[in-house]
């Protein structure tokens, strides 16, 4: 007996019911009774068009779809449901006669299973439970993925903010060194300026006294004074330029948004980083003193670099070298070790033109790095420094600058208790 088209039963909440699509009253009665007794809400549609409208108005959790509806192409119904993003994840189970199974060895897109007629209650409930559970787990997994994606975005944003703060911390750590450098330069300027004023006064007085009749001795004195004045002015100019260079470098360090590649003198950039870092350490501890050996290859042509970023990378490595040397000094001093008086703290900085690449080596004779730690030092937030002395981002940021930004190579060579050497290779101009 065929049943007439009727309005479907619509449960209170979308996705909380099972939609039965069948035009046979016997099938409908069995399916409805079995599923209702098992605790599920149901809705009924008697043809494909009615089913699509029902799903559009109120998407179900699962669809039981009869493949033998008269005048209805169930494959087309499946395609329409799967073409809609709002309904494409709804599992569809075909209901069909046993003899029709051979026609569906490959289930159409979106059809997850089939149940044969006449129906068995246990099989029906088992298959429905399985696919509802699979859908629930899939939705839960998708929600977790979305949550994870949102969390990752927040973490990435937080990491960028922390790295920006690390860059500012680098600037702050160098402030003492910058001030020290500026004071030295300005002292030169002030002292020589004062000397020039005094010499000028003497010159004016001498000229005034001998204005009517200048003797040879007086002329010689004037020339000597003028020459000395000129030399002072030259020194003032040199020191003024040096102070300006330091200020410019400080401003370069402060720029966090200038990520443009530009032709840069690598040797000058590295030397500036060495001097600023050393003076910063000296300002923090006036007992700190090391011998710095530099060997800059003058054949290196200007490189396309992000100077402010690469300078930070150099500063991080050099500052870590100074830290390692100071730790070794303190250890010897605390132990009263005889080696303390024989230990000569040194830093070696070398650049070399290797043709296709330019190599930078920064080496110290500090405490060294154990093998098990060497594998971790470039990881974000990893640090061996006491709390409050390091964020664990310095070398991670250094790696990002050299390897990611500049497509370079950063390698580490260290022997605990003896030395640590960082080797940096950058592409040379083609």
Protein backbone atom coordinates (compact mmCIF):
# COMPACT_ATOMS: atom_id res chain seq x y z
CA UNK A 1 0.00 0.00 0.00
CA UNK A 2 1.39 3.39 -1.00
CA UNK A 3 0.93 6.27 1.43
CA UNK A 4 0.14 9.79 0.20
CA UNK A 5 2.58 12.69 0.39
CA UNK A 6 2.46 14.30 3.80
CA UNK A 7 4.17 17.03 5.76
CA UNK A 8 7.22 15.63 7.55
CA UNK A 9 7.50 15.50 11.29
CA UNK A 10 9.96 18.20 12.33
CA UNK A 11 11.81 17.73 15.63
CA UNK A 12 12.67 20.67 17.82
CA UNK A 13 16.40 20.84 17.04
CA UNK A 14 18.32 20.53 13.80
CA UNK A 15 20.76 17.64 13.59
CA UNK A 16 19.00 15.76 16.41
CA UNK A 17 16.82 13.44 14.38
CA UNK A 18 16.86 10.79 11.64
CA UNK A 19 15.14 11.41 8.29
CA UNK A 20 13.44 8.38 6.69
CA UNK A 21 12.85 8.70 2.94
CA UNK A 22 10.48 5.93 1.74
CA UNK A 23 7.04 5.67 0.15
CA UNK A 24 6.13 2.24 1.52
CA UNK A 25 3.97 2.25 4.66
CA UNK A 26 5.29 -1.11 5.87
CA UNK A 27 8.86 0.07 5.64
CA UNK A 28 7.98 3.40 7.24
CA UNK A 29 6.14 1.77 10.12
CA UNK A 30 8.98 -0.64 10.86
CA UNK A 31 11.73 1.96 10.59
CA UNK A 32 9.79 4.60 12.55
CA UNK A 33 8.80 2.22 15.35
CA UNK A 34 12.25 0.67 15.71
CA UNK A 35 14.10 4.00 15.77
CA UNK A 36 11.56 5.71 18.04
CA UNK A 37 11.68 2.84 20.54
CA UNK A 38 15.47 3.17 20.54
CA UNK A 39 15.10 6.81 21.62
CA UNK A 40 15.59 8.75 18.39
CA UNK A 41 13.35 11.40 16.95
CA UNK A 42 12.39 10.87 13.32
CA UNK A 43 10.96 12.72 10.32
CA UNK A 44 9.48 11.25 7.14
CA UNK A 45 9.68 12.19 3.47
CA UNK A 46 8.08 10.13 0.69
CA UNK A 47 10.15 11.34 -2.29
CA UNK A 48 13.47 12.92 -3.18
CA UNK A 49 12.21 16.46 -3.65
CA UNK A 50 10.43 16.38 -0.33
CA UNK A 51 13.57 15.04 1.34
CA UNK A 52 15.77 17.79 -0.08
CA UNK A 53 13.34 20.46 1.13
CA UNK A 54 13.17 18.85 4.56
CA UNK A 55 16.96 18.75 4.84
CA UNK A 56 17.21 22.35 3.69
CA UNK A 57 14.75 23.51 6.35
CA UNK A 58 16.11 21.37 9.17
CA UNK A 59 19.21 19.19 8.58
CA UNK A 60 19.02 15.74 10.21
CA UNK A 61 21.78 13.74 11.86
CA UNK A 62 21.38 10.85 9.39
CA UNK A 63 19.27 9.92 6.36
CA UNK A 64 17.76 6.49 5.55
CA UNK A 65 17.11 6.68 1.80
CA UNK A 66 15.13 4.11 -0.20
CA UNK A 67 16.82 3.50 -3.56
CA UNK A 68 13.58 2.34 -5.21
CA UNK A 69 11.39 5.42 -4.92
CA UNK A 70 9.23 5.63 -8.05
CA UNK A 71 9.94 8.60 -10.31
CA UNK A 72 12.94 9.66 -8.28
CA UNK A 73 16.63 9.50 -9.07
CA UNK A 74 18.23 8.81 -5.71
CA UNK A 75 21.72 9.36 -7.11
CA UNK A 76 20.63 12.86 -8.09
CA UNK A 77 19.22 13.37 -4.61
CA UNK A 78 22.58 12.37 -3.12
CA UNK A 79 24.45 14.74 -5.45
CA UNK A 80 22.24 17.68 -4.46
CA UNK A 81 22.69 16.98 -0.76
CA UNK A 82 26.47 16.65 -1.10
CA UNK A 83 26.72 19.79 -3.26
CA UNK A 84 25.36 21.89 -0.40
CA UNK A 85 28.05 22.75 2.21
CA UNK A 86 25.38 22.78 4.92
CA UNK A 87 24.30 19.19 4.22
CA UNK A 88 27.29 17.49 2.61
CA UNK A 89 28.50 15.90 5.83
CA UNK A 90 25.17 14.20 6.66
CA UNK A 91 25.64 10.40 6.42
CA UNK A 92 23.24 8.60 4.04
CA UNK A 93 22.33 4.92 4.42
CA UNK A 94 20.61 3.23 1.45
CA UNK A 95 17.68 0.89 2.11
CA UNK A 96 17.27 -1.70 -0.68
CA UNK A 97 16.19 -5.22 -1.50
CA UNK A 98 18.77 -7.98 -1.17
CA UNK A 99 18.74 -8.69 -4.88
CA UNK A 100 19.61 -5.04 -5.63
CA UNK A 101 22.84 -5.10 -3.62
CA UNK A 102 24.87 -6.21 -6.64
CA UNK A 103 24.03 -2.89 -8.34
CA UNK A 104 25.76 -0.93 -5.58
CA UNK A 105 29.13 -2.60 -5.14
CA UNK A 106 30.53 0.96 -5.18
CA UNK A 107 28.38 3.25 -3.06
CA UNK A 108 27.66 6.71 -4.51
CA UNK A 109 29.32 9.80 -3.09
CA UNK A 110 28.11 10.52 0.42
CA UNK A 111 26.47 7.13 0.97
CA UNK A 112 28.18 5.50 3.93
CA UNK A 113 26.35 2.15 4.09
CA UNK A 114 23.27 0.16 3.06
CA UNK A 115 20.63 -1.98 4.82
CA UNK A 116 18.72 -4.74 3.00
CA UNK A 117 15.02 -5.50 3.17
CA UNK A 118 13.33 -7.15 4.96
CA UNK A 119 14.89 -5.23 7.84
CA UNK A 120 16.38 -6.75 10.98
CA UNK A 121 16.00 -4.55 14.04
CA UNK A 122 19.41 -5.35 15.54
CA UNK A 123 21.23 -4.76 12.25
CA UNK A 124 19.33 -1.51 11.63
CA UNK A 125 20.10 -0.12 15.08
CA UNK A 126 23.73 -1.25 14.97
CA UNK A 127 24.43 0.43 11.63
CA UNK A 128 22.59 3.62 12.61
CA UNK A 129 24.49 3.82 15.91
CA UNK A 130 27.84 3.29 14.21
CA UNK A 131 27.36 6.01 11.64
CA UNK A 132 25.86 8.48 14.10
CA UNK A 133 28.87 7.88 16.36
CA UNK A 134 31.25 8.31 13.43
CA UNK A 135 29.57 11.56 12.48
CA UNK A 136 29.65 12.78 16.08
CA UNK A 137 33.35 11.98 16.34
CA UNK A 138 34.04 13.61 12.98
CA UNK A 139 32.25 16.79 14.02
CA UNK A 140 34.07 16.77 17.34
CA UNK A 141 37.37 16.32 15.53
CA UNK A 142 36.56 19.18 13.17
CA UNK A 143 35.69 21.42 16.11
CA UNK A 144 38.95 20.46 17.81
CA UNK A 145 40.84 21.22 14.60
CA UNK A 146 39.19 24.64 14.43
CA UNK A 147 40.02 25.25 18.09
CA UNK A 148 43.58 24.11 17.47
CA UNK A 149 43.85 26.37 14.43
CA UNK A 150 42.57 29.33 16.44
CA UNK A 151 44.99 28.48 19.26
CA UNK A 152 47.88 28.22 16.80
CA UNK A 153 47.02 31.64 15.38
CA UNK A 154 47.00 33.06 18.89
CA UNK A 155 50.31 31.37 19.67
CA UNK A 156 51.86 32.70 16.46
CA UNK A 157 50.62 36.19 17.28
CA UNK A 158 51.98 35.84 20.82
CA UNK A 159 55.30 34.56 19.49
CA UNK A 160 55.61 37.55 17.17
CA UNK A 161 54.86 39.86 20.08
CA UNK A 162 57.41 38.11 22.31
CA UNK A 163 60.03 38.27 19.57
CA UNK A 164 59.32 41.96 19.12
CA UNK A 165 59.83 42.37 22.86
CA UNK A 166 63.05 40.35 22.61
CA UNK A 167 64.29 42.77 19.96
CA UNK A 168 63.46 45.68 22.24
CA UNK A 169 65.22 43.87 25.09
CA UNK A 170 68.31 43.61 22.91
CA UNK A 171 68.16 47.35 22.36
CA UNK A 172 67.77 47.91 26.10
CA UNK A 173 70.75 45.67 26.87
CA UNK A 174 72.87 47.73 24.50
CA UNK A 175 71.79 51.07 25.90
CA UNK A 176 74.48 51.10 28.56
CA UNK A 177 77.13 50.33 25.97
CA UNK A 178 75.81 52.99 23.64
CA UNK A 179 75.86 55.58 26.43
CA UNK A 180 79.42 54.58 27.32
CA UNK A 181 80.53 55.00 23.72
CA UNK A 182 78.76 58.32 23.37
CA UNK A 183 80.25 59.65 26.59
CA UNK A 184 83.77 58.80 25.44
CA UNK A 185 83.23 60.50 22.11
CA UNK A 186 81.58 63.55 23.59
CA UNK A 187 84.35 63.86 26.19
CA UNK A 188 86.83 64.11 23.35
CA UNK A 189 84.67 66.74 21.66
CA UNK A 190 84.24 68.78 24.83
CA UNK A 191 87.87 68.61 25.91
CA UNK A 192 89.26 69.56 22.54
CA UNK A 193 86.66 72.25 22.11
CA UNK A 194 87.71 73.78 25.40
CA UNK A 195 91.36 73.58 24.41
CA UNK A 196 90.55 75.29 21.12
CA UNK A 197 88.86 78.13 22.94
CA UNK A 198 91.89 78.65 25.16
CA UNK A 199 94.25 78.56 22.21
CA UNK A 200 92.08 81.05 20.39
CA UNK A 201 92.17 83.39 23.38
CA UNK A 202 95.95 83.18 23.53
CA UNK A 203 96.16 83.81 19.80
CA UNK A 204 93.91 86.85 19.98
CA UNK A 205 95.87 88.23 22.92
CA UNK A 206 99.17 87.75 21.11
CA UNK A 207 97.91 89.39 17.95
CA UNK A 208 96.57 92.32 19.98
CA UNK A 209 99.88 92.81 21.74
CA UNK A 210 101.87 92.67 18.54
CA UNK A 211 99.43 94.34 16.23
CA UNK A 212 101.77 97.22 15.27
CA UNK A 213 104.94 95.32 14.82
CA UNK A 214 104.87 91.54 14.65
CA UNK A 215 108.22 89.97 15.18
CA UNK A 216 109.28 86.72 13.60
CA UNK A 217 109.07 84.87 16.88
CA UNK A 218 105.51 86.09 17.33
CA UNK A 219 104.57 85.01 13.83
CA UNK A 220 105.97 81.54 14.50
CA UNK A 221 104.02 81.30 17.71
CA UNK A 222 100.82 82.27 15.89
CA UNK A 223 101.43 79.64 13.22
CA UNK A 224 102.16 77.00 15.81
CA UNK A 225 98.99 77.88 17.68
CA UNK A 226 96.95 77.83 14.50
CA UNK A 227 98.33 74.42 13.55
CA UNK A 228 97.57 73.03 16.98
CA UNK A 229 94.10 74.52 16.76
CA UNK A 230 93.58 72.85 13.41
CA UNK A 231 94.66 69.47 14.77
CA UNK A 232 92.21 69.82 17.62
CA UNK A 233 89.39 70.65 15.27
CA UNK A 234 90.24 67.60 13.16
CA UNK A 235 90.05 65.33 16.22
CA UNK A 236 86.77 66.97 17.23
CA UNK A 237 85.36 66.26 13.81
CA UNK A 238 86.48 62.63 13.89
CA UNK A 239 84.97 62.03 17.30
CA UNK A 240 81.79 63.84 16.32
CA UNK A 241 81.43 61.53 13.32
CA UNK A 242 82.04 58.53 15.54
CA UNK A 243 79.31 59.69 17.92
CA UNK A 244 76.97 60.18 14.98
CA UNK A 245 77.76 56.66 13.75
CA UNK A 246 76.93 55.21 17.15
CA UNK A 247 73.65 57.10 17.28
CA UNK A 248 72.75 55.94 13.78
CA UNK A 249 73.45 52.35 14.73
CA UNK A 250 71.28 52.72 17.83
CA UNK A 251 68.47 54.06 15.67
CA UNK A 252 68.98 51.17 13.25
CA UNK A 253 68.59 48.74 16.15
CA UNK A 254 65.39 50.49 17.19
CA UNK A 255 63.76 50.06 13.78
CA UNK A 256 61.57 46.95 13.99
CA UNK A 257 59.57 47.55 10.82
CA UNK A 258 62.44 48.10 8.36
CA UNK A 259 62.74 44.69 6.73
CA UNK A 260 64.08 45.86 3.40
CA UNK A 261 67.17 44.30 1.89
CA UNK A 262 69.84 46.83 1.01
CA UNK A 263 73.52 46.81 0.10
CA UNK A 264 75.45 46.63 3.37
CA UNK A 265 79.11 46.52 4.37
CA UNK A 266 79.20 43.24 6.29
CA UNK A 267 82.53 43.96 8.00
CA UNK A 268 81.36 47.34 9.31
CA UNK A 269 78.05 45.87 10.48
CA UNK A 270 79.81 43.07 12.34
CA UNK A 271 82.44 45.36 13.85
CA UNK A 272 79.78 47.74 15.12
CA UNK A 273 77.94 44.81 16.74
CA UNK A 274 81.16 43.66 18.42
CA UNK A 275 81.93 47.09 19.87
CA UNK A 276 78.40 47.81 21.06
CA UNK A 277 78.02 44.42 22.73
CA UNK A 278 81.41 44.61 24.44
CA UNK A 279 80.76 48.12 25.76
CA UNK A 280 77.35 46.99 27.01
CA UNK A 281 78.99 44.18 28.99
CA UNK A 282 81.64 46.58 30.30
CA UNK A 283 78.96 49.01 31.44
CA UNK A 284 77.23 46.22 33.38
CA UNK A 285 80.46 44.97 34.93
CA UNK A 286 83.56 47.18 34.74
CA UNK A 287 85.73 44.20 35.70
CA UNK A 288 84.77 42.44 32.49
CA UNK A 289 87.57 42.56 29.98
CA UNK A 290 88.41 40.38 27.00
CA UNK A 291 90.84 40.46 24.14
CA UNK A 292 89.06 40.78 20.80
CA UNK A 293 90.86 39.49 17.72
CA UNK A 294 89.31 40.62 14.46
CA UNK A 295 90.19 39.46 10.96
CA UNK A 296 87.97 41.09 8.35
CA UNK A 297 88.34 40.11 4.70
CA UNK A 298 88.47 43.38 2.73
CA UNK A 299 87.63 41.59 -0.54
CA UNK A 300 84.01 41.09 0.58
CA UNK A 301 81.75 43.29 -1.49
CA UNK A 302 78.56 44.85 -0.10
CA UNK A 303 75.82 42.25 0.45
CA UNK A 304 72.05 42.49 0.13
CA UNK A 305 71.09 42.32 3.81
CA UNK A 306 68.44 43.44 6.25
CA UNK A 307 71.06 45.26 8.27
CA UNK A 308 69.02 45.91 11.41
CA UNK A 309 67.98 42.25 11.65
CA UNK A 310 71.41 40.75 10.92
CA UNK A 311 72.99 43.14 13.42
CA UNK A 312 70.64 41.74 16.08
CA UNK A 313 71.72 38.21 15.15
CA UNK A 314 75.41 39.13 15.52
CA UNK A 315 74.73 40.88 18.83
CA UNK A 316 72.91 37.83 20.22
CA UNK A 317 75.82 35.52 19.34
CA UNK A 318 78.49 37.92 20.62
CA UNK A 319 76.59 38.62 23.84
CA UNK A 320 76.26 34.87 24.47
CA UNK A 321 80.02 34.55 23.89
CA UNK A 322 80.71 37.29 26.45
CA UNK A 323 78.34 35.58 28.88
CA UNK A 324 80.11 32.22 28.45
CA UNK A 325 83.52 33.82 29.00
CA UNK A 326 82.33 35.60 32.13
CA UNK A 327 80.91 32.35 33.54
CA UNK A 328 84.29 30.66 33.06
CA UNK A 329 86.06 33.55 34.81
CA UNK A 330 83.66 33.39 37.76
CA UNK A 331 84.03 29.61 38.04
CA UNK A 332 87.80 29.83 38.29
CA UNK A 333 87.58 32.70 40.78
CA UNK A 334 85.07 30.89 43.00
CA UNK A 335 87.09 27.67 42.97
CA UNK A 336 90.31 29.50 43.66
CA UNK A 337 91.67 27.60 40.69
CA UNK A 338 95.24 28.37 39.63
CA UNK A 339 93.97 28.39 36.06
CA UNK A 340 92.15 31.63 36.87
CA UNK A 341 95.35 33.68 36.67
CA UNK A 342 96.35 31.94 33.45
CA UNK A 343 92.97 32.24 31.72
CA UNK A 344 93.05 34.84 28.97
CA UNK A 345 89.46 35.54 27.85
CA UNK A 346 89.32 35.97 24.10
CA UNK A 347 86.84 36.56 21.34
CA UNK A 348 87.73 35.86 17.70
CA UNK A 349 85.70 37.45 14.91
CA UNK A 350 86.56 36.60 11.33
CA UNK A 351 85.04 37.12 7.90
CA UNK A 352 86.16 35.36 4.75
CA UNK A 353 85.21 35.55 1.10
CA UNK A 354 84.73 31.97 -0.12
CA UNK A 355 83.50 32.89 -3.58
CA UNK A 356 79.84 31.91 -3.77
CA UNK A 357 79.36 32.46 -0.03
CA UNK A 358 80.73 34.76 2.63
CA UNK A 359 81.64 33.17 5.95
CA UNK A 360 81.52 34.72 9.40
CA UNK A 361 83.08 32.96 12.39
CA UNK A 362 82.51 34.09 15.96
CA UNK A 363 84.51 32.09 18.51
CA UNK A 364 85.04 32.38 22.26
CA UNK A 365 87.07 30.42 24.80
CA UNK A 366 84.30 30.33 27.39
CA UNK A 367 82.56 27.41 29.08
CA UNK A 368 81.49 25.68 25.85
CA UNK A 369 78.21 23.87 25.19
CA UNK A 370 77.55 20.18 26.02
CA UNK A 371 76.52 17.95 23.09
CA UNK A 372 73.04 17.26 24.50
CA UNK A 373 72.34 20.98 24.72
CA UNK A 374 73.71 21.83 21.28
CA UNK A 375 70.66 20.15 19.71
CA UNK A 376 68.28 22.41 21.62
CA UNK A 377 69.80 25.88 21.67
CA UNK A 378 67.97 27.10 18.55
CA UNK A 379 64.58 26.02 19.91
CA UNK A 380 62.28 28.86 20.99
CA UNK A 381 62.21 29.49 24.76
CA UNK A 382 65.11 27.13 25.49
CA UNK A 383 67.70 28.69 27.77
CA UNK A 384 70.35 27.58 30.24
CA UNK A 385 70.52 30.99 31.87
CA UNK A 386 69.00 31.60 35.33
CA UNK A 387 65.48 32.96 35.56
CA UNK A 388 65.40 36.62 34.69
CA UNK A 389 68.62 36.55 32.66
CA UNK A 390 67.31 35.09 29.42
CA UNK A 391 64.06 34.48 27.55
CA UNK A 392 65.35 31.61 25.42
CA UNK A 393 64.50 33.52 22.25
CA UNK A 394 67.89 35.07 21.40
CA UNK A 395 69.34 32.18 19.41
CA UNK A 396 65.94 31.16 18.08
CA UNK A 397 65.54 34.66 16.69
CA UNK A 398 69.12 34.55 15.40
CA UNK A 399 68.39 31.31 13.53
CA UNK A 400 65.25 32.81 11.99
CA UNK A 401 67.14 35.92 10.84
CA UNK A 402 70.07 34.05 9.28
CA UNK A 403 68.38 30.94 7.89
CA UNK A 404 64.81 32.04 7.14
CA UNK A 405 65.22 35.72 6.29
CA UNK A 406 68.65 35.64 4.66
CA UNK A 407 68.60 32.04 3.33
CA UNK A 408 71.92 31.47 5.03
CA UNK A 409 73.48 28.67 7.07
CA UNK A 410 74.06 28.75 10.82
CA UNK A 411 76.26 26.06 12.37
CA UNK A 412 77.64 25.45 15.83
CA UNK A 413 80.93 23.86 16.89
CA UNK A 414 81.74 23.57 20.58
CA UNK A 415 83.87 21.63 23.02
CA UNK A 416 82.68 21.89 26.64
CA UNK A 417 85.11 23.82 28.79
CA UNK A 418 87.22 24.87 25.81
CA UNK A 419 85.45 26.91 23.15
CA UNK A 420 82.27 27.68 21.20
CA UNK A 421 82.23 28.79 17.58
CA UNK A 422 79.30 29.91 15.46
CA UNK A 423 79.78 29.65 11.69
CA UNK A 424 77.53 31.77 9.49
CA UNK A 425 77.45 31.53 5.70
CA UNK A 426 75.63 34.07 3.55
CA UNK A 427 75.21 34.17 -0.21
CA UNK A 428 77.79 36.40 -1.90
CA UNK A 429 76.83 38.82 -4.68
CA UNK A 430 76.47 36.95 -7.99
